[in-house]
Structures are given as structure tokens and as C-alpha cells.
Amino acid sequence: MAREIVAIKQQMHDFRLDQKRTSPIVVLEDNQAAIFLSKSRKVHGRTKHIAVRYHYVRELIRDKELEVSYQPSEFNPADLFTKQLGIVLFVRHRETVMGHAPIQGVQQYYD
């Protein structure tokens, strides 16, 4: 995903559509372990198998190109495509994806 973000950012620059943003692009993630690994520089016995190429995300975070923030599953519309949901969450995420409801929990990044 980080590579796609960088590629889109580069395409926007190529088309002269870059946003002149000084703040990093925010990626909302509901997996707290993934967030911890992306921000931690420590190598643990269970994480030493992670290939060096995956440390690219850490470099983007370090260079302030990317910021990873926690987004609870109840506010993560991507779960519609990746998880089995109860009817309440299914309807909420369906409405959000279809554009019939505001995206909840992310307004703070657009103010």
C-alpha cells in the first residue's frame, strides 16, 4: 500500500497536481500490531524474519511522507470487503462506500 501511495503522489506531481503538502499522508489502520511494527525500530525474535524491503514503510514514516494512525474497525469501511460483519456494521460501511453517509472517524484529518 505504501508503494501505491508514493506512486500516486509521484503521478500527481508529474501531472502538476501536487498539493504542496508539508504534512504526511495519513493511512488509517485497524491493526494495532501493524502500527507498532511500522513505528518501532526494535527487532524482536518474532519479527526478524520480516524482509528488509518491508522496512520501506518505516523509512516513509521517518521521512514524514506517511503517518499511520489507528482507526477502529467500527469506523473502517474497508472492513466491508475484508471481514464478515454483522448487519449494523455492514449497512454502515455499505452506506459510506456508496457515498450515502459521511465517513465516520476521519473528519479530524480533513479540518
PDB file of N, CA and C in Angstrom:
ATOM      1  N   MET A   1       0.811  -1.177   0.000  1.00  0.00           N
ATOM      2  CA  MET A   1       0.000   0.000   0.000  1.00  0.00           C
ATOM      3  C   MET A   1       0.862   1.251   0.000  1.00  0.00           C
ATOM      4  N   ALA A   2       1.951   1.260   0.740  1.00  0.00           N
ATOM      5  CA  ALA A   2       2.809   2.438   0.806  1.00  0.00           C
ATOM      6  C   ALA A   2       3.394   2.754  -0.560  1.00  0.00           C
ATOM      7  N   ARG A   3       3.746   1.710  -1.299  1.00  0.00           N
ATOM      8  CA  ARG A   3       4.294   1.934  -2.643  1.00  0.00           C
ATOM      9  C   ARG A   3       3.266   2.575  -3.555  1.00  0.00           C
ATOM     10  N   GLU A   4       2.012   2.166  -3.428  1.00  0.00           N
ATOM     11  CA  GLU A   4       0.956   2.749  -4.253  1.00  0.00           C
ATOM     12  C   GLU A   4       0.746   4.215  -3.905  1.00  0.00           C
ATOM     13  N   ILE A   5       0.815   4.539  -2.614  1.00  0.00           N
ATOM     14  CA  ILE A   5       0.661   5.932  -2.190  1.00  0.00           C
ATOM     15  C   ILE A   5       1.764   6.789  -2.783  1.00  0.00           C
ATOM     16  N   VAL A   6       2.991   6.300  -2.717  1.00  0.00           N
ATOM     17  CA  VAL A   6       4.119   7.052  -3.275  1.00  0.00           C
ATOM     18  C   VAL A   6       3.975   7.180  -4.788  1.00  0.00           C
ATOM     19  N   ALA A   7       3.514   6.123  -5.456  1.00  0.00           N
ATOM     20  CA  ALA A   7       3.337   6.175  -6.909  1.00  0.00           C
ATOM     21  C   ALA A   7       2.264   7.188  -7.299  1.00  0.00           C
ATOM     22  N   ILE A   8       1.162   7.217  -6.579  1.00  0.00           N
ATOM     23  CA  ILE A   8       0.091   8.178  -6.870  1.00  0.00           C
ATOM     24  C   ILE A   8       0.583   9.602  -6.610  1.00  0.00           C
ATOM     25  N   LYS A   9       1.321   9.771  -5.527  1.00  0.00           N
ATOM     26  CA  LYS A   9       1.869  11.096  -5.222  1.00  0.00           C
ATOM     27  C   LYS A   9       2.807  11.546  -6.347  1.00  0.00           C
ATOM     28  N   GLN A  10       3.616  10.626  -6.869  1.00  0.00           N
ATOM     29  CA  GLN A  10       4.533  10.954  -7.970  1.00  0.00           C
ATOM     30  C   GLN A  10       3.751  11.284  -9.246  1.00  0.00           C
ATOM     31  N   GLN A  11       2.689  10.542  -9.519  1.00  0.00           N
ATOM     32  CA  GLN A  11       1.866  10.839 -10.698  1.00  0.00           C
ATOM     33  C   GLN A  11       1.219  12.210 -10.574  1.00  0.00           C
ATOM     34  N   MET A  12       0.736  12.538  -9.403  1.00  0.00           N
ATOM     35  CA  MET A  12       0.144  13.865  -9.196  1.00  0.00           C
ATOM     36  C   MET A  12       1.184  14.950  -9.452  1.00  0.00           C
ATOM     37  N   HIS A  13       2.414  14.709  -9.014  1.00  0.00           N
ATOM     38  CA  HIS A  13       3.494  15.666  -9.258  1.00  0.00           C
ATOM     39  C   HIS A  13       3.782  15.762 -10.760  1.00  0.00           C
ATOM     40  N   ASP A  14       3.823  14.617 -11.441  1.00  0.00           N
ATOM     41  CA  ASP A  14       4.084  14.606 -12.886  1.00  0.00           C
ATOM     42  C   ASP A  14       3.024  15.373 -13.666  1.00  0.00           C
ATOM     43  N   PHE A  15       1.775  15.288 -13.210  1.00  0.00           N
ATOM     44  CA  PHE A  15       0.675  15.998 -13.872  1.00  0.00           C
ATOM     45  C   PHE A  15       0.502  17.418 -13.326  1.00  0.00           C
ATOM     46  N   ARG A  16       1.443  17.820 -12.476  1.00  0.00           N
ATOM     47  CA  ARG A  16       1.419  19.143 -11.846  1.00  0.00           C
ATOM     48  C   ARG A  16       0.159  19.366 -11.016  1.00  0.00           C
ATOM     49  N   LEU A  17      -0.257  18.308 -10.351  1.00  0.00           N
ATOM     50  CA  LEU A  17      -1.415  18.367  -9.470  1.00  0.00           C
ATOM     51  C   LEU A  17      -1.014  18.209  -8.012  1.00  0.00           C
ATOM     52  N   ASP A  18       0.287  18.304  -7.728  1.00  0.00           N
ATOM     53  CA  ASP A  18       0.710  18.077  -6.350  1.00  0.00           C
ATOM     54  C   ASP A  18       0.137  19.142  -5.430  1.00  0.00           C
ATOM     55  N   GLN A  19      -0.082  18.730  -4.223  1.00  0.00           N
ATOM     56  CA  GLN A  19      -0.836  19.506  -3.250  1.00  0.00           C
ATOM     57  C   GLN A  19       0.015  20.471  -2.430  1.00  0.00           C
ATOM     58  N   LYS A  20       1.297  20.491  -2.613  1.00  0.00           N
ATOM     59  CA  LYS A  20       2.182  21.337  -1.801  1.00  0.00           C
ATOM     60  C   LYS A  20       1.978  21.077  -0.312  1.00  0.00           C
ATOM     61  N   ARG A  21       1.747  19.816   0.011  1.00  0.00           N
ATOM     62  CA  ARG A  21       1.501  19.423   1.405  1.00  0.00           C
ATOM     63  C   ARG A  21       2.826  19.294   2.136  1.00  0.00           C
ATOM     64  N   THR A  22       2.853  19.805   3.323  1.00  0.00           N
ATOM     65  CA  THR A  22       4.015  19.582   4.174  1.00  0.00           C
ATOM     66  C   THR A  22       3.717  18.500   5.192  1.00  0.00           C
ATOM     67  N   SER A  23       2.442  18.210   5.385  1.00  0.00           N
ATOM     68  CA  SER A  23       2.075  17.169   6.341  1.00  0.00           C
ATOM     69  C   SER A  23       2.070  15.808   5.636  1.00  0.00           C
ATOM     70  N   PRO A  24       2.337  14.751   6.383  1.00  0.00           N
ATOM     71  CA  PRO A  24       2.373  13.412   5.770  1.00  0.00           C
ATOM     72  C   PRO A  24       0.985  12.927   5.357  1.00  0.00           C
ATOM     73  N   ILE A  25       0.955  11.981   4.447  1.00  0.00           N
ATOM     74  CA  ILE A  25      -0.289  11.329   4.057  1.00  0.00           C
ATOM     75  C   ILE A  25      -0.666  10.372   5.178  1.00  0.00           C
ATOM     76  N   VAL A  26      -1.904  10.444   5.616  1.00  0.00           N
ATOM     77  CA  VAL A  26      -2.356   9.640   6.752  1.00  0.00           C
ATOM     78  C   VAL A  26      -2.969   8.336   6.244  1.00  0.00           C
ATOM     79  N   VAL A  27      -2.468   7.227   6.768  1.00  0.00           N
ATOM     80  CA  VAL A  27      -3.011   5.906   6.471  1.00  0.00           C
ATOM     81  C   VAL A  27      -3.712   5.431   7.734  1.00  0.00           C
ATOM     82  N   LEU A  28      -4.984   5.106   7.612  1.00  0.00           N
ATOM     83  CA  LEU A  28      -5.760   4.643   8.763  1.00  0.00           C
ATOM     84  C   LEU A  28      -5.724   3.121   8.803  1.00  0.00           C
ATOM     85  N   GLU A  29      -5.328   2.575   9.931  1.00  0.00           N
ATOM     86  CA  GLU A  29      -5.114   1.130  10.077  1.00  0.00           C
ATOM     87  C   GLU A  29      -5.824   0.661  11.331  1.00  0.00           C
ATOM     88  N   ASP A  30      -6.492  -0.495  11.246  1.00  0.00           N
ATOM     89  CA  ASP A  30      -7.170  -1.029  12.428  1.00  0.00           C
ATOM     90  C   ASP A  30      -6.370  -2.130  13.120  1.00  0.00           C
ATOM     91  N   ASN A  31      -5.200  -2.445  12.624  1.00  0.00           N
ATOM     92  CA  ASN A  31      -4.360  -3.473  13.219  1.00  0.00           C
ATOM     93  C   ASN A  31      -3.272  -2.802  14.059  1.00  0.00           C
ATOM     94  N   GLN A  32      -3.453  -2.826  15.378  1.00  0.00           N
ATOM     95  CA  GLN A  32      -2.513  -2.127  16.256  1.00  0.00           C
ATOM     96  C   GLN A  32      -1.122  -2.748  16.231  1.00  0.00           C
ATOM     97  N   ALA A  33      -1.015  -4.037  16.005  1.00  0.00           N
ATOM     98  CA  ALA A  33       0.298  -4.675  15.918  1.00  0.00           C
ATOM     99  C   ALA A  33       1.052  -4.165  14.688  1.00  0.00           C
ATOM    100  N   ALA A  34       0.353  -4.000  13.576  1.00  0.00           N
ATOM    101  CA  ALA A  34       0.983  -3.479  12.365  1.00  0.00           C
ATOM    102  C   ALA A  34       1.448  -2.043  12.573  1.00  0.00           C
ATOM    103  N   ILE A  35       0.651  -1.249  13.281  1.00  0.00           N
ATOM    104  CA  ILE A  35       1.042   0.128  13.575  1.00  0.00           C
ATOM    105  C   ILE A  35       2.301   0.147  14.428  1.00  0.00           C
ATOM    106  N   PHE A  36       2.332  -0.699  15.454  1.00  0.00           N
ATOM    107  CA  PHE A  36       3.504  -0.768  16.327  1.00  0.00           C
ATOM    108  C   PHE A  36       4.749  -1.165  15.533  1.00  0.00           C
ATOM    109  N   LEU A  37       4.630  -2.182  14.691  1.00  0.00           N
ATOM    110  CA  LEU A  37       5.783  -2.623  13.903  1.00  0.00           C
ATOM    111  C   LEU A  37       6.263  -1.539  12.939  1.00  0.00           C
ATOM    112  N   SER A  38       5.321  -0.777  12.401  1.00  0.00           N
ATOM    113  CA  SER A  38       5.715   0.260  11.446  1.00  0.00           C
ATOM    114  C   SER A  38       6.472   1.397  12.120  1.00  0.00           C
ATOM    115  N   LYS A  39       6.219   1.615  13.405  1.00  0.00           N
ATOM    116  CA  LYS A  39       6.847   2.728  14.109  1.00  0.00           C
ATOM    117  C   LYS A  39       8.046   2.303  14.954  1.00  0.00           C
ATOM    118  N   SER A  40       8.152   1.030  15.263  1.00  0.00           N
ATOM    119  CA  SER A  40       9.201   0.540  16.151  1.00  0.00           C
ATOM    120  C   SER A  40      10.483   0.246  15.368  1.00  0.00           C
ATOM    121  N   ARG A  41      11.592   0.588  15.951  1.00  0.00           N
ATOM    122  CA  ARG A  41      12.892   0.277  15.334  1.00  0.00           C
ATOM    123  C   ARG A  41      13.498  -1.000  15.922  1.00  0.00           C
ATOM    124  N   LYS A  42      12.856  -1.525  16.955  1.00  0.00           N
ATOM    125  CA  LYS A  42      13.375  -2.719  17.606  1.00  0.00           C
ATOM    126  C   LYS A  42      13.109  -3.950  16.757  1.00  0.00           C
ATOM    127  N   VAL A  43      14.041  -4.892  16.812  1.00  0.00           N
ATOM    128  CA  VAL A  43      13.874  -6.171  16.132  1.00  0.00           C
ATOM    129  C   VAL A  43      13.686  -7.230  17.213  1.00  0.00           C
ATOM    130  N   HIS A  44      12.579  -7.928  17.136  1.00  0.00           N
ATOM    131  CA  HIS A  44      12.265  -8.975  18.097  1.00  0.00           C
ATOM    132  C   HIS A  44      12.454 -10.330  17.440  1.00  0.00           C
ATOM    133  N   GLY A  45      12.489 -11.357  18.245  1.00  0.00           N
ATOM    134  CA  GLY A  45      12.635 -12.706  17.716  1.00  0.00           C
ATOM    135  C   GLY A  45      11.552 -13.070  16.719  1.00  0.00           C
ATOM    136  N   ARG A  46      10.350 -12.565  16.947  1.00  0.00           N
ATOM    137  CA  ARG A  46       9.227 -12.886  16.059  1.00  0.00           C
ATOM    138  C   ARG A  46       9.182 -12.017  14.809  1.00  0.00           C
ATOM    139  N   THR A  47       9.911 -10.920  14.811  1.00  0.00           N
ATOM    140  CA  THR A  47       9.861 -10.015  13.658  1.00  0.00           C
ATOM    141  C   THR A  47      11.135 -10.016  12.836  1.00  0.00           C
ATOM    142  N   LYS A  48      12.139 -10.764  13.240  1.00  0.00           N
ATOM    143  CA  LYS A  48      13.397 -10.715  12.497  1.00  0.00           C
ATOM    144  C   LYS A  48      13.280 -11.331  11.107  1.00  0.00           C
ATOM    145  N   HIS A  49      12.222 -12.095  10.853  1.00  0.00           N
ATOM    146  CA  HIS A  49      12.018 -12.702   9.550  1.00  0.00           C
ATOM    147  C   HIS A  49      11.471 -11.720   8.516  1.00  0.00           C
ATOM    148  N   ILE A  50      11.051 -10.541   8.958  1.00  0.00           N
ATOM    149  CA  ILE A  50      10.483  -9.566   8.035  1.00  0.00           C
ATOM    150  C   ILE A  50      11.598  -9.062   7.120  1.00  0.00           C
ATOM    151  N   ALA A  51      11.368  -9.168   5.830  1.00  0.00           N
ATOM    152  CA  ALA A  51      12.381  -8.811   4.847  1.00  0.00           C
ATOM    153  C   ALA A  51      12.701  -7.320   4.908  1.00  0.00           C
ATOM    154  N   VAL A  52      13.913  -6.981   4.535  1.00  0.00           N
ATOM    155  CA  VAL A  52      14.365  -5.596   4.550  1.00  0.00           C
ATOM    156  C   VAL A  52      13.480  -4.723   3.669  1.00  0.00           C
ATOM    157  N   ARG A  53      12.951  -5.273   2.588  1.00  0.00           N
ATOM    158  CA  ARG A  53      12.141  -4.463   1.681  1.00  0.00           C
ATOM    159  C   ARG A  53      10.879  -3.925   2.363  1.00  0.00           C
ATOM    160  N   TYR A  54      10.434  -4.568   3.427  1.00  0.00           N
ATOM    161  CA  TYR A  54       9.255  -4.097   4.136  1.00  0.00           C
ATOM    162  C   TYR A  54       9.571  -2.943   5.089  1.00  0.00           C
ATOM    163  N   HIS A  55      10.833  -2.678   5.283  1.00  0.00           N
ATOM    164  CA  HIS A  55      11.213  -1.547   6.118  1.00  0.00           C
ATOM    165  C   HIS A  55      11.022  -0.231   5.369  1.00  0.00           C
ATOM    166  N   TYR A  56      10.608  -0.298   4.135  1.00  0.00           N
ATOM    167  CA  TYR A  56      10.302   0.876   3.328  1.00  0.00           C
ATOM    168  C   TYR A  56       9.253   1.748   4.015  1.00  0.00           C
ATOM    169  N   VAL A  57       8.269   1.136   4.624  1.00  0.00           N
ATOM    170  CA  VAL A  57       7.226   1.882   5.333  1.00  0.00           C
ATOM    171  C   VAL A  57       7.842   2.661   6.486  1.00  0.00           C
ATOM    172  N   ARG A  58       8.757   2.048   7.194  1.00  0.00           N
ATOM    173  CA  ARG A  58       9.426   2.747   8.291  1.00  0.00           C
ATOM    174  C   ARG A  58      10.188   3.960   7.778  1.00  0.00           C
ATOM    175  N   GLU A  59      10.823   3.815   6.614  1.00  0.00           N
ATOM    176  CA  GLU A  59      11.546   4.945   6.029  1.00  0.00           C
ATOM    177  C   GLU A  59      10.590   6.073   5.663  1.00  0.00           C
ATOM    178  N   LEU A  60       9.438   5.729   5.106  1.00  0.00           N
ATOM    179  CA  LEU A  60       8.455   6.762   4.759  1.00  0.00           C
ATOM    180  C   LEU A  60       7.946   7.480   6.000  1.00  0.00           C
ATOM    181  N   ILE A  61       7.747   6.740   7.080  1.00  0.00           N
ATOM    182  CA  ILE A  61       7.305   7.351   8.331  1.00  0.00           C
ATOM    183  C   ILE A  61       8.414   8.243   8.886  1.00  0.00           C
ATOM    184  N   ARG A  62       9.625   7.752   8.851  1.00  0.00           N
ATOM    185  CA  ARG A  62      10.768   8.535   9.345  1.00  0.00           C
ATOM    186  C   ARG A  62      10.941   9.834   8.554  1.00  0.00           C
ATOM    187  N   ASP A  63      10.732   9.760   7.242  1.00  0.00           N
ATOM    188  CA  ASP A  63      10.887  10.931   6.379  1.00  0.00           C
ATOM    189  C   ASP A  63       9.643  11.815   6.351  1.00  0.00           C
ATOM    190  N   LYS A  64       8.665  11.473   7.174  1.00  0.00           N
ATOM    191  CA  LYS A  64       7.412  12.229   7.292  1.00  0.00           C
ATOM    192  C   LYS A  64       6.629  12.316   5.981  1.00  0.00           C
ATOM    193  N   GLU A  65       6.740  11.271   5.175  1.00  0.00           N
ATOM    194  CA  GLU A  65       5.942  11.146   3.961  1.00  0.00           C
ATOM    195  C   GLU A  65       4.615  10.461   4.266  1.00  0.00           C
ATOM    196  N   LEU A  66       4.618   9.647   5.316  1.00  0.00           N
ATOM    197  CA  LEU A  66       3.484   8.801   5.659  1.00  0.00           C
ATOM    198  C   LEU A  66       3.288   8.827   7.168  1.00  0.00           C
ATOM    199  N   GLU A  67       2.042   8.778   7.579  1.00  0.00           N
ATOM    200  CA  GLU A  67       1.712   8.668   9.003  1.00  0.00           C
ATOM    201  C   GLU A  67       0.676   7.566   9.142  1.00  0.00           C
ATOM    202  N   VAL A  68       0.894   6.659  10.064  1.00  0.00           N
ATOM    203  CA  VAL A  68      -0.031   5.555  10.292  1.00  0.00           C
ATOM    204  C   VAL A  68      -0.764   5.821  11.592  1.00  0.00           C
ATOM    205  N   SER A  69      -2.091   5.856  11.523  1.00  0.00           N
ATOM    206  CA  SER A  69      -2.913   6.121  12.696  1.00  0.00           C
ATOM    207  C   SER A  69      -3.935   5.015  12.880  1.00  0.00           C
ATOM    208  N   TYR A  70      -4.336   4.831  14.123  1.00  0.00           N
ATOM    209  CA  TYR A  70      -5.317   3.795  14.449  1.00  0.00           C
ATOM    210  C   TYR A  70      -6.724   4.250  14.065  1.00  0.00           C
ATOM    211  N   GLN A  71      -7.432   3.367  13.410  1.00  0.00           N
ATOM    212  CA  GLN A  71      -8.834   3.586  13.031  1.00  0.00           C
ATOM    213  C   GLN A  71      -9.603   2.359  13.504  1.00  0.00           C
ATOM    214  N   PRO A  72     -10.479   2.494  14.497  1.00  0.00           N
ATOM    215  CA  PRO A  72     -11.224   1.327  14.972  1.00  0.00           C
ATOM    216  C   PRO A  72     -12.022   0.661  13.846  1.00  0.00           C
ATOM    217  N   SER A  73     -12.183  -0.630  13.931  1.00  0.00           N
ATOM    218  CA  SER A  73     -12.909  -1.377  12.903  1.00  0.00           C
ATOM    219  C   SER A  73     -14.316  -0.849  12.676  1.00  0.00           C
ATOM    220  N   GLU A  74     -14.938  -0.351  13.719  1.00  0.00           N
ATOM    221  CA  GLU A  74     -16.310   0.130  13.556  1.00  0.00           C
ATOM    222  C   GLU A  74     -16.390   1.356  12.650  1.00  0.00           C
ATOM    223  N   PHE A  75     -15.263   2.027  12.413  1.00  0.00           N
ATOM    224  CA  PHE A  75     -15.236   3.183  11.529  1.00  0.00           C
ATOM    225  C   PHE A  75     -14.400   2.938  10.280  1.00  0.00           C
ATOM    226  N   ASN A  76     -14.092   1.689   9.984  1.00  0.00           N
ATOM    227  CA  ASN A  76     -13.223   1.358   8.857  1.00  0.00           C
ATOM    228  C   ASN A  76     -14.033   0.734   7.726  1.00  0.00           C
ATOM    229  N   PRO A  77     -14.436   1.529   6.723  1.00  0.00           N
ATOM    230  CA  PRO A  77     -15.274   0.992   5.652  1.00  0.00           C
ATOM    231  C   PRO A  77     -14.605  -0.105   4.834  1.00  0.00           C
ATOM    232  N   ALA A  78     -13.287  -0.196   4.861  1.00  0.00           N
ATOM    233  CA  ALA A  78     -12.600  -1.260   4.130  1.00  0.00           C
ATOM    234  C   ALA A  78     -12.965  -2.636   4.665  1.00  0.00           C
ATOM    235  N   ASP A  79     -13.407  -2.704   5.916  1.00  0.00           N
ATOM    236  CA  ASP A  79     -13.814  -3.981   6.502  1.00  0.00           C
ATOM    237  C   ASP A  79     -14.976  -4.617   5.744  1.00  0.00           C
ATOM    238  N   LEU A  80     -15.730  -3.808   5.035  1.00  0.00           N
ATOM    239  CA  LEU A  80     -16.825  -4.327   4.216  1.00  0.00           C
ATOM    240  C   LEU A  80     -16.314  -5.365   3.224  1.00  0.00           C
ATOM    241  N   PHE A  81     -15.080  -5.180   2.753  1.00  0.00           N
ATOM    242  CA  PHE A  81     -14.509  -6.062   1.736  1.00  0.00           C
ATOM    243  C   PHE A  81     -13.599  -7.144   2.302  1.00  0.00           C
ATOM    244  N   THR A  82     -13.258  -7.039   3.592  1.00  0.00           N
ATOM    245  CA  THR A  82     -12.259  -7.955   4.132  1.00  0.00           C
ATOM    246  C   THR A  82     -12.722  -8.799   5.308  1.00  0.00           C
ATOM    247  N   LYS A  83     -13.879  -8.453   5.894  1.00  0.00           N
ATOM    248  CA  LYS A  83     -14.310  -9.174   7.088  1.00  0.00           C
ATOM    249  C   LYS A  83     -15.788  -9.514   7.009  1.00  0.00           C
ATOM    250  N   GLN A  84     -16.142 -10.541   7.759  1.00  0.00           N
ATOM    251  CA  GLN A  84     -17.551 -10.877   7.897  1.00  0.00           C
ATOM    252  C   GLN A  84     -18.117  -9.960   8.970  1.00  0.00           C
ATOM    253  N   LEU A  85     -19.153  -9.192   8.621  1.00  0.00           N
ATOM    254  CA  LEU A  85     -19.685  -8.178   9.524  1.00  0.00           C
ATOM    255  C   LEU A  85     -21.110  -8.488   9.945  1.00  0.00           C
ATOM    256  N   GLY A  86     -21.479  -7.968  11.087  1.00  0.00           N
ATOM    257  CA  GLY A  86     -22.874  -8.003  11.496  1.00  0.00           C
ATOM    258  C   GLY A  86     -23.662  -7.010  10.660  1.00  0.00           C
ATOM    259  N   ILE A  87     -24.961  -7.074  10.737  1.00  0.00           N
ATOM    260  CA  ILE A  87     -25.822  -6.253   9.890  1.00  0.00           C
ATOM    261  C   ILE A  87     -25.616  -4.756  10.115  1.00  0.00           C
ATOM    262  N   VAL A  88     -25.412  -4.331  11.364  1.00  0.00           N
ATOM    263  CA  VAL A  88     -25.254  -2.901  11.657  1.00  0.00           C
ATOM    264  C   VAL A  88     -23.999  -2.347  10.989  1.00  0.00           C
ATOM    265  N   LEU A  89     -22.861  -3.022  11.195  1.00  0.00           N
ATOM    266  CA  LEU A  89     -21.626  -2.556  10.565  1.00  0.00           C
ATOM    267  C   LEU A  89     -21.680  -2.699   9.051  1.00  0.00           C
ATOM    268  N   PHE A  90     -22.293  -3.768   8.571  1.00  0.00           N
ATOM    269  CA  PHE A  90     -22.415  -3.957   7.131  1.00  0.00           C
ATOM    270  C   PHE A  90     -23.156  -2.783   6.492  1.00  0.00           C
ATOM    271  N   VAL A  91     -24.297  -2.412   7.047  1.00  0.00           N
ATOM    272  CA  VAL A  91     -25.094  -1.313   6.492  1.00  0.00           C
ATOM    273  C   VAL A  91     -24.331   0.005   6.602  1.00  0.00           C
ATOM    274  N   ARG A  92     -23.701   0.248   7.748  1.00  0.00           N
ATOM    275  CA  ARG A  92     -22.939   1.487   7.931  1.00  0.00           C
ATOM    276  C   ARG A  92     -21.832   1.613   6.889  1.00  0.00           C
ATOM    277  N   HIS A  93     -21.048   0.556   6.735  1.00  0.00           N
ATOM    278  CA  HIS A  93     -19.937   0.607   5.783  1.00  0.00           C
ATOM    279  C   HIS A  93     -20.432   0.641   4.340  1.00  0.00           C
ATOM    280  N   ARG A  94     -21.514  -0.067   4.057  1.00  0.00           N
ATOM    281  CA  ARG A  94     -22.081  -0.034   2.703  1.00  0.00           C
ATOM    282  C   ARG A  94     -22.521   1.379   2.345  1.00  0.00           C
ATOM    283  N   GLU A  95     -23.193   2.040   3.269  1.00  0.00           N
ATOM    284  CA  GLU A  95     -23.656   3.407   3.019  1.00  0.00           C
ATOM    285  C   GLU A  95     -22.475   4.360   2.826  1.00  0.00           C
ATOM    286  N   THR A  96     -21.434   4.161   3.602  1.00  0.00           N
ATOM    287  CA  THR A  96     -20.242   5.010   3.470  1.00  0.00           C
ATOM    288  C   THR A  96     -19.579   4.806   2.113  1.00  0.00           C
ATOM    289  N   VAL A  97     -19.390   3.552   1.730  1.00  0.00           N
ATOM    290  CA  VAL A  97     -18.729   3.243   0.456  1.00  0.00           C
ATOM    291  C   VAL A  97     -19.558   3.726  -0.726  1.00  0.00           C
ATOM    292  N   MET A  98     -20.862   3.623  -0.626  1.00  0.00           N
ATOM    293  CA  MET A  98     -21.735   4.049  -1.723  1.00  0.00           C
ATOM    294  C   MET A  98     -21.909   5.568  -1.766  1.00  0.00           C
ATOM    295  N   GLY A  99     -21.364   6.268  -0.768  1.00  0.00           N
ATOM    296  CA  GLY A  99     -21.438   7.719  -0.765  1.00  0.00           C
ATOM    297  C   GLY A  99     -22.700   8.281  -0.166  1.00  0.00           C
ATOM    298  N   HIS A 100     -23.447   7.467   0.562  1.00  0.00           N
ATOM    299  CA  HIS A 100     -24.700   7.915   1.159  1.00  0.00           C
ATOM    300  C   HIS A 100     -24.545   8.344   2.614  1.00  0.00           C
ATOM    301  N   ALA A 101     -23.356   8.177   3.154  1.00  0.00           N
ATOM    302  CA  ALA A 101     -23.134   8.539   4.551  1.00  0.00           C
ATOM    303  C   ALA A 101     -21.736   9.126   4.672  1.00  0.00           C
ATOM    304  N   PRO A 102     -21.534  10.037   5.607  1.00  0.00           N
ATOM    305  CA  PRO A 102     -20.182  10.589   5.796  1.00  0.00           C
ATOM    306  C   PRO A 102     -19.253   9.520   6.356  1.00  0.00           C
ATOM    307  N   ILE A 103     -18.000   9.623   6.036  1.00  0.00           N
ATOM    308  CA  ILE A 103     -17.012   8.706   6.587  1.00  0.00           C
ATOM    309  C   ILE A 103     -16.799   9.104   8.039  1.00  0.00           C
ATOM    310  N   GLN A 104     -17.071   8.184   8.939  1.00  0.00           N
ATOM    311  CA  GLN A 104     -17.004   8.489  10.358  1.00  0.00           C
ATOM    312  C   GLN A 104     -15.611   8.248  10.889  1.00  0.00           C
ATOM    313  N   GLY A 105     -15.184   9.126  11.781  1.00  0.00           N
ATOM    314  CA  GLY A 105     -13.913   8.922  12.459  1.00  0.00           C
ATOM    315  C   GLY A 105     -12.720   9.494  11.739  1.00  0.00           C
ATOM    316  N   VAL A 106     -12.890  10.041  10.528  1.00  0.00           N
ATOM    317  CA  VAL A 106     -11.749  10.578   9.796  1.00  0.00           C
ATOM    318  C   VAL A 106     -11.850  12.072   9.572  1.00  0.00           C
ATOM    319  N   GLN A 107     -12.902  12.715  10.045  1.00  0.00           N
ATOM    320  CA  GLN A 107     -13.087  14.136   9.809  1.00  0.00           C
ATOM    321  C   GLN A 107     -11.908  14.949  10.365  1.00  0.00           C
ATOM    322  N   GLN A 108     -11.305  14.480  11.428  1.00  0.00           N
ATOM    323  CA  GLN A 108     -10.197  15.208  12.041  1.00  0.00           C
ATOM    324  C   GLN A 108      -9.028  15.405  11.079  1.00  0.00           C
ATOM    325  N   TYR A 109      -8.894  14.554  10.060  1.00  0.00           N
ATOM    326  CA  TYR A 109      -7.780  14.675   9.128  1.00  0.00           C
ATOM    327  C   TYR A 109      -8.076  15.649   7.993  1.00  0.00           C
ATOM    328  N   TYR A 110      -9.315  16.100   7.878  1.00  0.00           N
ATOM    329  CA  TYR A 110      -9.689  16.970   6.783  1.00  0.00           C
ATOM    330  C   TYR A 110     -10.003  18.390   7.235  1.00  0.00           C
ATOM    331  N   ASP A 111      -9.850  18.662   8.519  1.00  0.00           N
ATOM    332  CA  ASP A 111     -10.093  20.010   9.046  1.00  0.00           C
ATOM    333  C   ASP A 111      -8.888  20.898   8.827  1.00  0.00           C
TER     334      ASP A 111
END
